[in-house]
Amino acid sequence: MLAQLITLNNLTSESLNISKSLFKLGRDPTNDKQLTNNKISFLHLQIEFEESQFTILDNSINGTFLNGKRIGKGNKVIIQNGDTIHILPLDRVQPEEIIGFQFLTDKIKDSRSHSDEIQSINHNKSKDEIVSKLNTHNQQFEELADELICTICNDYLFEAVTTNPCNHHFCGACLSTWLEKQLHNDCPNCRVSIKSIMIARMMNNLVEKWLKCNPSQNKTATLMAKMKEENLIYKNPNYYLNFQEEYAKKNQNQFDQQNESDEFLSNDDDFDDNNPQLYQNQLVLPNNAVQFQLFNPPPPQQIQPVQPCKSCNGQVWKQYQCTDIQIHIGCSSCGRLMPKRLLSKYLSFNLSAEQENEQLQMMCCICKVYDCKFYYGDCNKPNLNKLMLVKDIRDMVQIPQNFINNVEYQRIINHLKDNQAPFIFDFMMEHYINKGDFYFEQNKRTFNYPLQDLNVKITPDTPVCWQCHRKLINFIIFKYVQSQKYDEPIFSYPDCFYGINCRTQHWNQFHAGKYNHICEQTKFH
């Protein structure tokens, strides 16, 4: 054995042994090591041992990086003991997608003689130290996975919810079943009284990304359908936002109903003759006449004056002032409360599009995370969840590298020719979004393992958060290609049955070029 490549991420590759003078790595199965990621070139790199030194030749399009610096396609440089080799740029891939290795060998000394070659960092670490570091990394990764476990069912969270004030996470179905069986609304973990329950969308995103890396740990479709049915929190989220108050009202109503059920009207023989109200407005009639007992009508109830909301201190926002019974929601960034003004089906028919947008511009149209930017004018502590309007994301539109697959990516690039990616956005805005004919669709036909089905109408003034805007841009590109299929010959290939979710397209170049994969999945196992 000449050298070793110690993996830096067990999720993407295992450690490799280099036992011959020319070692090739890439997506083609004829290489010494095949990596199936579609972003990797057919022959990505090759490591050669000659004249008592190792060199690495970069043949890739997306890049090979030595100690954090790009080598460049066609360039050959010397690699030494302890150098780090990364495939694909670190700033463009998710942490779980990183492909990296530590180069170890005892055949050469750690020195470089040419100033124009890439500088390397001499780690001077033994193999035992590196293995120890990797074990620590794997242990930390497992500890992260433990945070995604529901303590009620001891499985990965599904439709996660979080309890306030203790901030523990559970499956929505598990917590719903727990609360129905308990006499008190206590947290299953710490037994603290639950004041409110909210949908944990960020936790759902983490679980979704984790399960993409570990598909074998997905729940069965039957179990997911059962848990969706049992999840009362997702079905009625407004009730659980002020859970402590609603729970107290529910118990009081049950108590009142029980007391009312104990009251009854006595028979005439047992009637209380000493009741003075019984003889008010009594009529004296002949003995043979039917007697009627008249009662004074109850006094009209006094209308209580509307009390101003304590959360808003009587302030008026967008010509709206909420009352003390208004439901409020906290901003996901700064925590500031704002009235939760969701439209009912009846009211939506009586409002203009501008008034409707004013009421709905408080949460992301995709992940439904709340933000106070458009409600109060600005957010106190904006973070990655900050909102923007759809019409403002034009300059962010880019064709992702190898969109769907590298064949579809080249078709789109060839179709655009001299036009830039925002051309697609302008076309969809003019012909669909401005006319109210564009809907963001998230289901098993258009996404792999969607946490929930969505069908959201998108307008120029629809808000979308920073984390979801890329998903919306990709769907706009997806719909654009579908609209051009019958007008543009470059897109007029027969649709694959598995569409955008096809697995074969990523490793079979012939299949990817023969069919169109920018389409919905129509065949399921």
Protein backbone atom coordinates (compact mmCIF):
# COMPACT_ATOMS: atom_id res chain seq x y z
CA MET A 1 0.00 0.00 0.00
CA LEU A 2 1.45 3.35 -1.09
CA ALA A 3 -0.92 5.78 0.64
CA GLN A 4 -4.35 6.21 2.23
CA LEU A 5 -7.24 8.62 1.78
CA ILE A 6 -8.93 8.89 5.19
CA THR A 7 -12.52 10.05 4.70
CA LEU A 8 -13.69 13.21 6.44
CA ASN A 9 -17.40 12.33 6.03
CA ASN A 10 -18.60 8.74 6.41
CA LEU A 11 -21.95 9.67 4.83
CA THR A 12 -20.45 10.28 1.38
CA SER A 13 -17.46 7.93 1.16
CA GLU A 14 -15.37 5.43 3.02
CA SER A 15 -11.60 5.57 3.54
CA LEU A 16 -9.57 4.45 0.50
CA ASN A 17 -6.28 2.59 0.08
CA ILE A 18 -3.96 3.55 -2.80
CA SER A 19 -2.00 0.45 -3.75
CA LYS A 20 -0.89 1.28 -7.30
CA SER A 21 1.03 4.10 -8.90
CA LEU A 22 -1.96 5.57 -10.78
CA PHE A 23 -5.24 5.92 -8.84
CA LYS A 24 -8.36 7.31 -10.55
CA LEU A 25 -11.54 8.61 -8.88
CA GLY A 26 -14.81 9.75 -10.48
CA ARG A 27 -18.37 8.88 -11.42
CA ASP A 28 -17.46 6.40 -14.17
CA PRO A 29 -17.51 2.76 -12.96
CA THR A 30 -14.16 2.08 -14.69
CA ASN A 31 -12.36 4.26 -12.12
CA ASP A 32 -10.52 2.75 -9.16
CA LYS A 33 -13.12 4.41 -6.92
CA GLN A 34 -16.62 5.29 -8.17
CA LEU A 35 -18.64 8.08 -6.51
CA THR A 36 -22.25 8.31 -7.72
CA ASN A 37 -22.89 11.97 -6.90
CA ASN A 38 -24.07 13.61 -10.13
CA LYS A 39 -21.98 16.73 -9.41
CA ILE A 40 -18.78 14.67 -9.73
CA SER A 41 -17.13 14.37 -13.16
CA PHE A 42 -16.69 11.01 -14.92
CA LEU A 43 -12.93 11.21 -14.26
CA HIS A 44 -12.74 13.76 -11.47
CA LEU A 45 -9.11 13.39 -10.42
CA GLN A 46 -6.14 11.04 -10.54
CA ILE A 47 -3.31 10.55 -8.05
CA GLU A 48 0.03 9.38 -9.44
CA PHE A 49 3.20 8.20 -7.67
CA GLU A 50 6.42 8.74 -9.60
CA GLU A 51 10.00 9.70 -8.75
CA SER A 52 9.32 9.35 -5.00
CA GLN A 53 6.54 11.91 -4.94
CA PHE A 54 2.75 12.00 -5.29
CA THR A 55 0.95 14.34 -7.69
CA ILE A 56 -2.73 15.02 -8.20
CA LEU A 57 -4.26 15.95 -11.58
CA ASP A 58 -7.62 17.79 -11.59
CA ASN A 59 -9.88 16.77 -14.51
CA SER A 60 -13.15 18.07 -13.03
CA ILE A 61 -15.58 20.82 -13.95
CA ASN A 62 -16.84 21.59 -10.44
CA GLY A 63 -13.35 21.56 -8.97
CA THR A 64 -10.90 19.71 -6.75
CA PHE A 65 -9.52 21.57 -3.73
CA LEU A 66 -6.17 20.96 -2.02
CA ASN A 67 -5.97 22.46 1.48
CA GLY A 68 -8.89 24.72 0.65
CA LYS A 69 -7.47 26.07 -2.64
CA ARG A 70 -8.78 25.13 -6.06
CA ILE A 71 -6.30 23.24 -8.25
CA GLY A 72 -7.96 24.01 -11.59
CA LYS A 73 -8.92 21.74 -14.46
CA GLY A 74 -5.84 20.32 -16.24
CA ASN A 75 -3.41 21.38 -13.50
CA LYS A 76 -1.10 18.92 -11.73
CA VAL A 77 0.39 19.69 -8.31
CA ILE A 78 2.37 17.84 -5.65
CA ILE A 79 0.52 16.48 -2.63
CA GLN A 80 2.20 15.67 0.65
CA ASN A 81 1.54 13.81 3.85
CA GLY A 82 -1.31 15.36 5.84
CA ASP A 83 -2.85 17.38 2.97
CA THR A 84 -6.63 17.62 2.74
CA ILE A 85 -8.42 16.94 -0.55
CA HIS A 86 -12.00 18.10 -1.07
CA ILE A 87 -14.18 17.25 -4.05
CA LEU A 88 -16.68 20.03 -4.88
CA PRO A 89 -16.58 23.53 -3.30
CA LEU A 90 -17.42 23.54 0.41
CA ASP A 91 -19.50 26.72 0.19
CA ARG A 92 -21.88 25.22 -2.38
CA VAL A 93 -22.80 21.91 -0.79
CA GLN A 94 -24.66 20.97 2.37
CA PRO A 95 -22.59 19.75 5.36
CA GLU A 96 -23.88 16.21 4.93
CA GLU A 97 -22.84 16.26 1.22
CA ILE A 98 -19.16 17.16 1.81
CA ILE A 99 -16.72 14.75 0.14
CA GLY A 100 -13.25 15.09 1.63
CA PHE A 101 -10.15 13.03 2.43
CA GLN A 102 -6.95 13.29 4.47
CA PHE A 103 -3.90 12.14 2.46
CA LEU A 104 -1.51 9.92 4.45
CA THR A 105 1.72 8.28 3.29
CA ASP A 106 5.20 7.50 4.53
CA LYS A 107 6.77 7.35 1.05
CA ILE A 108 7.64 11.06 0.83
CA LYS A 109 8.80 13.90 3.03
CA ASP A 110 6.75 16.99 3.79
CA SER A 111 8.42 19.65 1.59
CA ARG A 112 7.79 21.65 -1.56
CA SER A 113 10.40 23.20 -3.82
CA HIS A 114 8.29 25.17 -6.34
CA SER A 115 6.85 28.53 -5.28
CA ASP A 116 4.08 28.51 -7.90
CA GLU A 117 2.48 25.34 -6.50
CA ILE A 118 -0.38 25.33 -4.04
CA GLN A 119 0.76 25.88 -0.43
CA SER A 120 -0.16 23.06 1.95
CA ILE A 121 -0.53 22.92 5.72
CA ASN A 122 1.74 20.49 7.48
CA HIS A 123 -0.53 18.80 10.01
CA ASN A 124 2.16 16.45 11.45
CA LYS A 125 -0.53 14.27 12.88
CA SER A 126 -0.25 10.57 13.28
CA LYS A 127 -2.82 8.19 11.89
CA ASP A 128 -4.10 7.45 15.39
CA GLU A 129 -4.80 11.13 15.97
CA ILE A 130 -6.74 11.43 12.72
CA VAL A 131 -8.76 8.30 13.43
CA SER A 132 -9.50 9.65 16.91
CA LYS A 133 -10.68 12.91 15.38
CA LEU A 134 -12.92 11.07 12.93
CA ASN A 135 -14.41 8.98 15.73
CA THR A 136 -15.17 12.18 17.62
CA HIS A 137 -16.80 13.62 14.48
CA ASN A 138 -18.99 10.52 14.04
CA GLN A 139 -19.97 10.62 17.71
CA GLN A 140 -21.02 14.26 17.35
CA PHE A 141 -23.04 13.34 14.28
CA GLU A 142 -24.85 10.64 16.25
CA GLU A 143 -25.51 13.09 19.07
CA LEU A 144 -27.10 15.43 16.53
CA ALA A 145 -29.37 12.60 15.40
CA ASP A 146 -30.48 12.09 19.02
CA GLU A 147 -31.88 15.63 19.04
CA LEU A 148 -34.27 14.62 16.23
CA ILE A 149 -35.89 11.83 18.26
CA CYS A 150 -39.36 12.10 19.80
CA THR A 151 -39.15 10.93 23.44
CA ILE A 152 -42.69 9.54 23.33
CA CYS A 153 -42.36 7.13 20.40
CA ASN A 154 -38.50 6.97 20.37
CA ASP A 155 -38.48 7.49 16.60
CA TYR A 156 -37.57 10.39 14.32
CA LEU A 157 -39.91 13.37 14.61
CA PHE A 158 -42.86 13.49 12.23
CA GLU A 159 -44.87 16.72 11.91
CA ALA A 160 -42.91 18.07 14.86
CA VAL A 161 -44.33 20.47 17.45
CA THR A 162 -42.69 22.40 20.29
CA THR A 163 -44.10 23.17 23.73
CA ASN A 164 -43.93 26.51 25.47
CA PRO A 165 -42.24 27.42 27.83
CA CYS A 166 -39.99 24.33 28.04
CA ASN A 167 -39.28 24.09 24.26
CA HIS A 168 -39.34 20.29 24.05
CA HIS A 169 -40.09 18.68 20.68
CA PHE A 170 -42.50 15.83 19.98
CA CYS A 171 -44.37 14.31 17.07
CA GLY A 172 -47.69 16.11 16.64
CA ALA A 173 -49.60 12.83 16.78
CA CYS A 174 -47.72 11.60 19.88
CA LEU A 175 -48.35 14.80 21.86
CA SER A 176 -52.02 14.90 20.79
CA THR A 177 -52.53 11.35 22.07
CA TRP A 178 -50.64 12.17 25.29
CA LEU A 179 -52.78 15.23 26.09
CA GLU A 180 -56.02 13.36 25.47
CA LYS A 181 -55.07 10.67 28.00
CA GLN A 182 -53.84 13.07 30.72
CA LEU A 183 -55.90 14.99 33.26
CA HIS A 184 -53.48 17.94 33.16
CA ASN A 185 -51.75 19.66 30.25
CA ASP A 186 -48.21 18.80 31.39
CA CYS A 187 -45.11 18.30 29.21
CA PRO A 188 -44.24 14.58 28.86
CA ASN A 189 -40.54 15.34 29.50
CA CYS A 190 -40.42 17.83 32.38
CA ARG A 191 -44.06 17.92 33.60
CA VAL A 192 -44.15 21.73 33.25
CA SER A 193 -47.61 23.11 32.52
CA ILE A 194 -47.88 23.75 28.77
CA LYS A 195 -48.98 27.29 27.91
CA SER A 196 -48.96 26.96 24.14
CA ILE A 197 -47.93 24.54 21.37
CA MET A 198 -46.49 25.61 18.02
CA ILE A 199 -45.55 23.81 14.82
CA ALA A 200 -41.75 23.26 14.75
CA ARG A 201 -41.07 23.86 11.06
CA MET A 202 -37.31 24.28 11.45
CA MET A 203 -37.13 20.89 13.18
CA ASN A 204 -39.17 19.37 10.34
CA ASN A 205 -36.60 20.69 7.85
CA LEU A 206 -33.72 19.14 9.82
CA VAL A 207 -35.48 15.77 9.99
CA GLU A 208 -36.20 15.92 6.25
CA LYS A 209 -32.51 16.52 5.44
CA TRP A 210 -31.42 13.78 7.84
CA LEU A 211 -33.79 11.21 6.30
CA LYS A 212 -32.51 12.07 2.82
CA CYS A 213 -29.11 10.84 4.01
CA ASN A 214 -30.67 7.85 5.79
CA PRO A 215 -33.67 6.78 3.66
CA SER A 216 -33.81 3.37 5.32
CA GLN A 217 -35.02 5.02 8.52
CA ASN A 218 -38.13 6.53 6.93
CA LYS A 219 -41.51 5.64 8.37
CA THR A 220 -43.86 3.50 6.30
CA ALA A 221 -46.64 5.20 4.33
CA THR A 222 -49.29 3.48 6.47
CA LEU A 223 -47.75 4.75 9.71
CA MET A 224 -47.40 8.29 8.35
CA ALA A 225 -51.05 8.31 7.25
CA LYS A 226 -52.13 7.13 10.71
CA MET A 227 -50.04 9.79 12.46
CA LYS A 228 -51.44 12.51 10.18
CA GLU A 229 -54.95 11.44 11.20
CA GLU A 230 -54.10 11.47 14.92
CA ASN A 231 -52.28 14.83 14.80
CA LEU A 232 -54.91 17.19 16.22
CA ILE A 233 -52.41 20.04 16.63
CA TYR A 234 -51.83 20.40 12.88
CA LYS A 235 -55.56 20.17 12.25
CA ASN A 236 -56.41 22.97 14.69
CA PRO A 237 -53.25 25.03 15.38
CA ASN A 238 -55.20 28.12 16.55
CA TYR A 239 -56.56 26.22 19.55
CA TYR A 240 -53.08 25.27 20.76
CA LEU A 241 -51.53 28.76 20.44
CA ASN A 242 -53.25 29.73 23.74
CA PHE A 243 -53.49 26.19 25.00
CA GLN A 244 -53.51 26.94 28.72
CA GLU A 245 -56.42 29.38 28.44
CA GLU A 246 -58.36 27.19 26.01
CA TYR A 247 -57.77 24.15 28.21
CA ALA A 248 -59.10 26.04 31.24
CA LYS A 249 -62.18 27.19 29.28
CA LYS A 250 -62.79 23.66 28.09
CA ASN A 251 -62.69 22.31 31.67
CA GLN A 252 -64.97 25.13 32.87
CA ASN A 253 -67.50 24.39 30.11
CA GLN A 254 -67.49 20.72 31.02
CA PHE A 255 -68.08 21.68 34.68
CA ASP A 256 -70.94 24.02 33.76
CA GLN A 257 -72.56 21.40 31.55
CA GLN A 258 -72.35 18.88 34.38
CA ASN A 259 -74.05 21.30 36.78
CA GLU A 260 -76.75 22.08 34.23
CA SER A 261 -77.44 18.40 33.75
CA ASP A 262 -78.11 18.09 37.53
CA GLU A 263 -80.87 20.75 37.44
CA PHE A 264 -84.42 19.70 36.65
CA LEU A 265 -88.01 20.97 36.91
CA SER A 266 -90.06 19.41 39.70
CA ASN A 267 -93.56 18.08 39.33
CA ASP A 268 -96.44 20.30 40.35
CA ASP A 269 -96.89 18.46 43.64
CA ASP A 270 -93.35 19.21 44.72
CA PHE A 271 -93.24 22.80 43.45
CA ASP A 272 -91.94 25.47 45.82
CA ASP A 273 -94.97 27.55 46.77
CA ASN A 274 -92.91 29.98 48.78
CA ASN A 275 -91.23 31.45 45.67
CA PRO A 276 -92.40 35.12 45.57
CA GLN A 277 -91.77 35.42 41.82
CA LEU A 278 -94.46 32.87 41.25
CA TYR A 279 -97.22 35.35 42.08
CA GLN A 280 -96.07 38.40 40.16
CA ASN A 281 -98.63 39.69 37.61
CA GLN A 282 -101.16 37.06 38.66
CA LEU A 283 -104.62 37.33 37.05
CA VAL A 284 -107.79 36.57 39.05
CA LEU A 285 -110.14 34.68 36.80
CA PRO A 286 -113.41 32.78 37.32
CA ASN A 287 -113.18 29.26 38.70
CA ASN A 288 -114.08 27.68 35.36
CA ALA A 289 -111.51 29.71 33.37
CA VAL A 290 -108.08 28.53 32.40
CA GLN A 291 -105.45 30.25 34.51
CA PHE A 292 -102.21 31.56 33.04
CA GLN A 293 -99.14 32.51 34.97
CA LEU A 294 -97.29 35.54 33.55
CA PHE A 295 -93.63 36.23 34.23
CA ASN A 296 -91.69 39.43 33.74
CA PRO A 297 -89.23 39.16 30.80
CA PRO A 298 -85.56 39.16 31.79
CA PRO A 299 -83.79 42.51 31.51
CA PRO A 300 -81.77 42.98 28.30
CA GLN A 301 -78.10 42.15 28.60
CA GLN A 302 -75.81 45.15 28.66
CA ILE A 303 -73.26 45.25 25.85
CA GLN A 304 -69.78 45.33 27.31
CA PRO A 305 -67.46 47.94 25.75
CA VAL A 306 -64.69 46.53 23.57
CA GLN A 307 -61.42 46.43 25.50
CA PRO A 308 -58.21 47.34 23.66
CA CYS A 309 -55.61 44.65 23.17
CA LYS A 310 -52.95 44.56 25.89
CA SER A 311 -50.31 43.16 23.53
CA CYS A 312 -50.59 46.05 21.06
CA ASN A 313 -51.32 48.76 23.72
CA GLY A 314 -54.14 50.16 21.63
CA GLN A 315 -51.92 50.84 18.61
CA VAL A 316 -53.42 50.69 15.12
CA TRP A 317 -51.50 48.87 12.37
CA LYS A 318 -52.62 49.03 8.73
CA GLN A 319 -55.97 50.56 9.78
CA TYR A 320 -56.70 47.65 12.07
CA GLN A 321 -56.99 47.65 15.85
CA CYS A 322 -57.36 44.31 17.56
CA THR A 323 -59.47 43.60 20.65
CA ASP A 324 -58.61 41.71 23.81
CA ILE A 325 -59.89 38.45 22.28
CA GLN A 326 -57.62 38.68 19.22
CA ILE A 327 -55.23 35.75 18.77
CA HIS A 328 -51.57 36.83 18.53
CA ILE A 329 -48.52 35.13 17.09
CA GLY A 330 -44.85 35.73 17.84
CA CYS A 331 -42.34 36.74 15.16
CA SER A 332 -39.89 33.90 14.49
CA SER A 333 -36.96 36.36 14.42
CA CYS A 334 -37.50 38.86 17.24
CA GLY A 335 -40.46 37.32 19.13
CA ARG A 336 -42.60 40.49 18.88
CA LEU A 337 -46.32 39.74 19.00
CA MET A 338 -48.63 40.69 16.16
CA PRO A 339 -52.30 39.92 15.47
CA LYS A 340 -52.84 36.68 13.64
CA ARG A 341 -55.13 37.85 10.83
CA LEU A 342 -55.85 34.89 8.60
CA LEU A 343 -58.64 35.28 6.08
CA SER A 344 -61.78 33.18 6.23
CA LYS A 345 -63.31 31.92 2.99
CA TYR A 346 -66.20 34.35 3.40
CA LEU A 347 -64.12 37.46 4.04
CA SER A 348 -61.71 36.75 1.19
CA PHE A 349 -64.51 37.36 -1.34
CA ASN A 350 -65.17 40.86 0.05
CA LEU A 351 -61.56 42.13 0.07
CA SER A 352 -59.45 43.51 -2.73
CA ALA A 353 -56.16 41.87 -3.67
CA GLU A 354 -54.24 44.69 -1.96
CA GLN A 355 -56.20 44.31 1.30
CA GLU A 356 -55.78 40.53 1.16
CA ASN A 357 -52.00 40.83 0.78
CA GLU A 358 -51.85 43.22 3.75
CA GLN A 359 -53.51 40.61 5.93
CA LEU A 360 -51.47 37.66 4.69
CA GLN A 361 -48.05 39.37 4.57
CA MET A 362 -46.97 38.04 7.93
CA MET A 363 -45.67 34.56 7.09
CA CYS A 364 -43.74 32.67 4.43
CA CYS A 365 -46.04 31.18 1.80
CA ILE A 366 -44.14 27.85 1.87
CA CYS A 367 -42.92 27.03 5.39
CA LYS A 368 -45.50 29.33 7.13
CA VAL A 369 -42.89 30.82 9.46
CA TYR A 370 -44.11 34.14 10.91
CA ASP A 371 -42.21 37.41 10.56
CA CYS A 372 -43.20 40.96 11.53
CA LYS A 373 -41.32 42.78 8.74
CA PHE A 374 -44.31 43.59 6.55
CA TYR A 375 -46.73 43.98 9.46
CA TYR A 376 -44.81 46.56 11.51
CA GLY A 377 -42.60 47.84 8.70
CA ASP A 378 -39.37 46.29 9.95
CA CYS A 379 -38.15 43.53 12.24
CA ASN A 380 -36.08 44.23 15.36
CA LYS A 381 -33.76 41.24 14.90
CA PRO A 382 -33.97 39.90 11.33
CA ASN A 383 -32.20 36.59 10.81
CA LEU A 384 -32.17 33.92 8.07
CA ASN A 385 -35.97 33.67 8.29
CA LYS A 386 -36.44 37.24 7.02
CA LEU A 387 -39.23 37.71 4.49
CA MET A 388 -39.09 39.18 1.00
CA LEU A 389 -41.69 39.62 -1.71
CA VAL A 390 -41.71 37.36 -4.77
CA LYS A 391 -41.24 40.34 -7.08
CA ASP A 392 -37.98 41.18 -5.26
CA ILE A 393 -36.22 37.84 -5.86
CA ARG A 394 -35.61 38.44 -9.57
CA ASP A 395 -31.91 39.24 -9.19
CA MET A 396 -31.41 36.05 -7.14
CA VAL A 397 -32.58 33.75 -9.94
CA GLN A 398 -29.85 31.37 -11.10
CA ILE A 399 -29.88 27.99 -12.80
CA PRO A 400 -28.51 25.59 -10.14
CA GLN A 401 -25.50 23.59 -11.23
CA ASN A 402 -26.72 20.30 -12.81
CA PHE A 403 -30.37 21.29 -12.28
CA ILE A 404 -32.36 18.01 -12.11
CA ASN A 405 -29.40 16.34 -13.88
CA ASN A 406 -26.50 17.54 -16.01
CA VAL A 407 -28.37 16.81 -19.28
CA GLU A 408 -31.39 18.94 -18.31
CA TYR A 409 -29.01 21.65 -17.10
CA GLN A 410 -27.29 21.82 -20.50
CA ARG A 411 -30.65 21.90 -22.29
CA ILE A 412 -31.71 24.95 -20.28
CA ILE A 413 -28.34 26.69 -20.82
CA ASN A 414 -28.51 26.02 -24.58
CA HIS A 415 -32.09 27.26 -24.67
CA LEU A 416 -31.22 30.55 -22.96
CA LYS A 417 -28.22 31.18 -25.27
CA ASP A 418 -27.44 34.89 -24.80
CA ASN A 419 -30.19 35.42 -22.18
CA GLN A 420 -29.55 35.31 -18.45
CA ALA A 421 -31.44 33.28 -15.85
CA PRO A 422 -33.73 36.23 -14.83
CA PHE A 423 -35.25 35.93 -18.32
CA ILE A 424 -37.12 32.86 -17.05
CA PHE A 425 -38.43 34.81 -14.05
CA ASP A 426 -39.58 37.72 -16.26
CA PHE A 427 -41.41 35.34 -18.59
CA MET A 428 -43.23 33.54 -15.76
CA MET A 429 -44.02 36.84 -14.05
CA GLU A 430 -45.58 38.28 -17.21
CA HIS A 431 -47.56 35.25 -18.35
CA TYR A 432 -48.49 33.50 -15.11
CA ILE A 433 -47.66 35.15 -11.78
CA ASN A 434 -49.07 38.61 -12.60
CA LYS A 435 -52.26 36.97 -13.88
CA GLY A 436 -52.77 34.88 -10.74
CA ASP A 437 -52.28 31.58 -12.59
CA PHE A 438 -49.17 30.32 -10.78
CA TYR A 439 -49.31 27.85 -7.88
CA PHE A 440 -46.43 26.40 -5.88
CA GLU A 441 -47.14 22.66 -5.66
CA GLN A 442 -45.36 20.45 -3.13
CA ASN A 443 -46.39 16.82 -3.16
CA LYS A 444 -44.92 13.41 -3.89
CA ARG A 445 -45.20 14.09 -7.64
CA THR A 446 -42.87 17.10 -7.50
CA PHE A 447 -40.69 16.46 -4.39
CA ASN A 448 -39.01 13.47 -2.78
CA TYR A 449 -40.46 12.74 0.68
CA PRO A 450 -42.41 16.01 1.20
CA LEU A 451 -43.32 16.59 4.86
CA GLN A 452 -46.67 18.07 3.86
CA ASP A 453 -48.63 18.71 0.68
CA LEU A 454 -48.89 22.35 -0.40
CA ASN A 455 -50.76 24.13 -3.17
CA VAL A 456 -50.10 27.86 -2.69
CA LYS A 457 -51.12 30.66 -5.02
CA ILE A 458 -48.12 32.87 -5.82
CA THR A 459 -48.53 36.58 -6.66
CA PRO A 460 -45.89 39.34 -7.02
CA ASP A 461 -46.66 40.47 -3.43
CA THR A 462 -46.57 37.01 -1.87
CA PRO A 463 -43.96 36.83 0.93
CA VAL A 464 -41.33 34.10 0.96
CA CYS A 465 -38.58 33.61 3.55
CA TRP A 466 -34.86 33.54 2.85
CA GLN A 467 -34.65 29.79 3.39
CA CYS A 468 -37.51 28.94 1.00
CA HIS A 469 -36.82 31.39 -1.83
CA ARG A 470 -34.40 28.96 -3.53
CA LYS A 471 -37.06 26.23 -3.49
CA LEU A 472 -39.53 28.65 -5.11
CA ILE A 473 -36.99 29.72 -7.77
CA ASN A 474 -36.33 26.08 -8.69
CA PHE A 475 -40.06 25.45 -9.02
CA ILE A 476 -40.44 28.54 -11.26
CA ILE A 477 -37.71 27.10 -13.54
CA PHE A 478 -39.48 23.73 -13.42
CA LYS A 479 -42.79 25.29 -14.53
CA TYR A 480 -41.07 27.37 -17.22
CA VAL A 481 -39.61 24.29 -18.91
CA GLN A 482 -43.02 22.60 -18.80
CA SER A 483 -44.62 25.63 -20.47
CA GLN A 484 -41.99 25.54 -23.26
CA LYS A 485 -42.15 21.81 -23.91
CA TYR A 486 -44.34 21.99 -27.01
CA ASP A 487 -42.83 25.21 -28.40
CA GLU A 488 -39.13 24.47 -27.92
CA PRO A 489 -37.72 21.36 -29.68
CA ILE A 490 -34.87 21.07 -27.19
CA PHE A 491 -37.41 20.20 -24.47
CA SER A 492 -39.63 17.92 -26.58
CA TYR A 493 -38.42 14.58 -25.23
CA PRO A 494 -40.84 11.95 -23.87
CA ASP A 495 -41.48 12.26 -20.15
CA CYS A 496 -39.96 9.74 -17.77
CA PHE A 497 -42.55 7.92 -15.65
CA TYR A 498 -40.69 8.87 -12.46
CA GLY A 499 -40.14 12.46 -13.56
CA ILE A 500 -38.16 14.79 -11.33
CA ASN A 501 -37.81 12.05 -8.69
CA CYS A 502 -36.17 9.51 -11.01
CA ARG A 503 -33.08 7.90 -9.50
CA THR A 504 -31.73 6.41 -12.73
CA GLN A 505 -31.11 9.86 -14.27
CA HIS A 506 -28.23 10.54 -11.88
CA TRP A 507 -26.05 7.60 -12.88
CA ASN A 508 -27.32 6.52 -16.31
CA GLN A 509 -26.30 9.17 -18.86
CA PHE A 510 -28.14 7.44 -21.71
CA HIS A 511 -31.41 7.39 -19.77
CA ALA A 512 -31.01 11.04 -18.77
CA GLY A 513 -30.50 12.10 -22.40
CA LYS A 514 -33.32 9.98 -23.82
CA TYR A 515 -36.14 11.27 -21.59
CA ASN A 516 -37.38 14.53 -20.11
CA HIS A 517 -37.15 14.62 -16.30
CA ILE A 518 -38.44 18.14 -15.70
CA CYS A 519 -41.93 16.76 -15.23
CA GLU A 520 -44.12 15.31 -12.49
CA GLN A 521 -43.82 11.71 -11.36
CA THR A 522 -46.72 9.63 -12.73
CA LYS A 523 -45.65 6.10 -11.77
CA PHE A 524 -45.18 4.91 -8.20
CA HIS A 525 -43.91 1.65 -6.73
